[in-house]
Amino acid sequence: MLNHTMYLSTEDLLVKAWGYNAETDVNSVWLYISYLRKRLSAINSKVKIISKRNIGYKLELKS
């Protein structure tokens, strides 16, 4: 949440989560983002994952 104004690309998230030599692809990132959104919604979290096409993802606090 310290960098909530910064967008991270799908590729950046892939490298940060699985490393440079990962045998996975961006579909895994999309799957986990979807899973995280559902979990955040289920627990009524104030945090929301925002996506911007061709840019990436960032965290946002709901008002």
C-alpha atoms as a PDB file:
ATOM      1  CA  MET A   1       0.000   0.000   0.000  1.00  0.00           C
ATOM      2  CA  LEU A   2       3.009   2.292   0.254  1.00  0.00           C
ATOM      3  CA  ASN A   3       3.140   2.491  -3.563  1.00  0.00           C
ATOM      4  CA  HIS A   4      -0.606   2.514  -4.186  1.00  0.00           C
ATOM      5  CA  THR A   5      -0.334   5.256  -6.830  1.00  0.00           C
ATOM      6  CA  MET A   6       2.081   3.231  -8.947  1.00  0.00           C
ATOM      7  CA  TYR A   7       0.914   0.867 -11.691  1.00  0.00           C
ATOM      8  CA  LEU A   8       2.694  -2.480 -12.088  1.00  0.00           C
ATOM      9  CA  SER A   9       2.563  -4.242 -15.425  1.00  0.00           C
ATOM     10  CA  THR A  10       1.555  -7.871 -15.741  1.00  0.00           C
ATOM     11  CA  GLU A  11       5.138  -8.752 -16.652  1.00  0.00           C
ATOM     12  CA  ASP A  12       6.473  -6.947 -13.565  1.00  0.00           C
ATOM     13  CA  LEU A  13       4.076  -8.884 -11.348  1.00  0.00           C
ATOM     14  CA  LEU A  14       5.049 -12.133 -13.047  1.00  0.00           C
ATOM     15  CA  VAL A  15       8.753 -11.542 -12.377  1.00  0.00           C
ATOM     16  CA  LYS A  16       8.168 -10.376  -8.791  1.00  0.00           C
ATOM     17  CA  ALA A  17       5.962 -13.360  -7.932  1.00  0.00           C
ATOM     18  CA  TRP A  18       7.611 -16.219  -9.837  1.00  0.00           C
ATOM     19  CA  GLY A  19      11.060 -14.900 -10.799  1.00  0.00           C
ATOM     20  CA  TYR A  20      12.872 -14.438 -14.093  1.00  0.00           C
ATOM     21  CA  ASN A  21      13.186 -18.116 -14.936  1.00  0.00           C
ATOM     22  CA  ALA A  22       9.552 -19.005 -14.339  1.00  0.00           C
ATOM     23  CA  GLU A  23       7.882 -21.501 -16.607  1.00  0.00           C
ATOM     24  CA  THR A  24       4.546 -19.737 -16.324  1.00  0.00           C
ATOM     25  CA  ASP A  25       2.957 -16.960 -18.375  1.00  0.00           C
ATOM     26  CA  VAL A  26       0.789 -13.868 -17.914  1.00  0.00           C
ATOM     27  CA  ASN A  27      -2.362 -15.998 -17.737  1.00  0.00           C
ATOM     28  CA  SER A  28      -1.270 -17.040 -14.245  1.00  0.00           C
ATOM     29  CA  VAL A  29      -1.071 -13.399 -13.168  1.00  0.00           C
ATOM     30  CA  TRP A  30      -4.555 -12.733 -14.557  1.00  0.00           C
ATOM     31  CA  LEU A  31      -5.885 -15.778 -12.722  1.00  0.00           C
ATOM     32  CA  TYR A  32      -4.399 -14.715  -9.382  1.00  0.00           C
ATOM     33  CA  ILE A  33      -5.563 -11.108  -9.798  1.00  0.00           C
ATOM     34  CA  SER A  34      -9.080 -12.456 -10.331  1.00  0.00           C
ATOM     35  CA  TYR A  35      -8.723 -14.679  -7.248  1.00  0.00           C
ATOM     36  CA  LEU A  36      -7.439 -11.779  -5.125  1.00  0.00           C
ATOM     37  CA  ARG A  37     -10.309  -9.529  -6.225  1.00  0.00           C
ATOM     38  CA  LYS A  38     -12.838 -12.171  -5.174  1.00  0.00           C
ATOM     39  CA  ARG A  39     -11.136 -12.691  -1.816  1.00  0.00           C
ATOM     40  CA  LEU A  40     -10.916  -8.948  -1.128  1.00  0.00           C
ATOM     41  CA  SER A  41     -14.601  -8.599  -1.960  1.00  0.00           C
ATOM     42  CA  ALA A  42     -15.540 -11.570   0.241  1.00  0.00           C
ATOM     43  CA  ILE A  43     -13.890 -10.042   3.303  1.00  0.00           C
ATOM     44  CA  ASN A  44     -15.313  -6.566   2.571  1.00  0.00           C
ATOM     45  CA  SER A  45     -11.846  -5.077   2.284  1.00  0.00           C
ATOM     46  CA  LYS A  46     -11.348  -1.376   1.681  1.00  0.00           C
ATOM     47  CA  VAL A  47      -8.594  -2.260  -0.790  1.00  0.00           C
ATOM     48  CA  LYS A  48      -9.469  -2.670  -4.464  1.00  0.00           C
ATOM     49  CA  ILE A  49      -7.290  -3.806  -7.375  1.00  0.00           C
ATOM     50  CA  ILE A  50      -7.624  -1.405 -10.298  1.00  0.00           C
ATOM     51  CA  SER A  51      -6.526  -2.325 -13.802  1.00  0.00           C
ATOM     52  CA  LYS A  52      -5.751  -0.039 -16.683  1.00  0.00           C
ATOM     53  CA  ARG A  53      -5.531  -1.579 -20.117  1.00  0.00           C
ATOM     54  CA  ASN A  54      -1.996  -1.782 -21.522  1.00  0.00           C
ATOM     55  CA  ILE A  55      -0.618  -0.185 -18.332  1.00  0.00           C
ATOM     56  CA  GLY A  56      -1.060  -2.574 -15.418  1.00  0.00           C
ATOM     57  CA  TYR A  57      -2.547  -2.875 -11.951  1.00  0.00           C
ATOM     58  CA  LYS A  58      -2.556  -0.743  -8.832  1.00  0.00           C
ATOM     59  CA  LEU A  59      -4.149  -0.820  -5.399  1.00  0.00           C
ATOM     60  CA  GLU A  60      -6.789   1.683  -4.383  1.00  0.00           C
ATOM     61  CA  LEU A  61      -8.566   2.375  -1.112  1.00  0.00           C
ATOM     62  CA  LYS A  62     -12.344   2.473  -1.390  1.00  0.00           C
ATOM     63  CA  SER A  63     -13.963   5.560   0.086  1.00  0.00           C
END
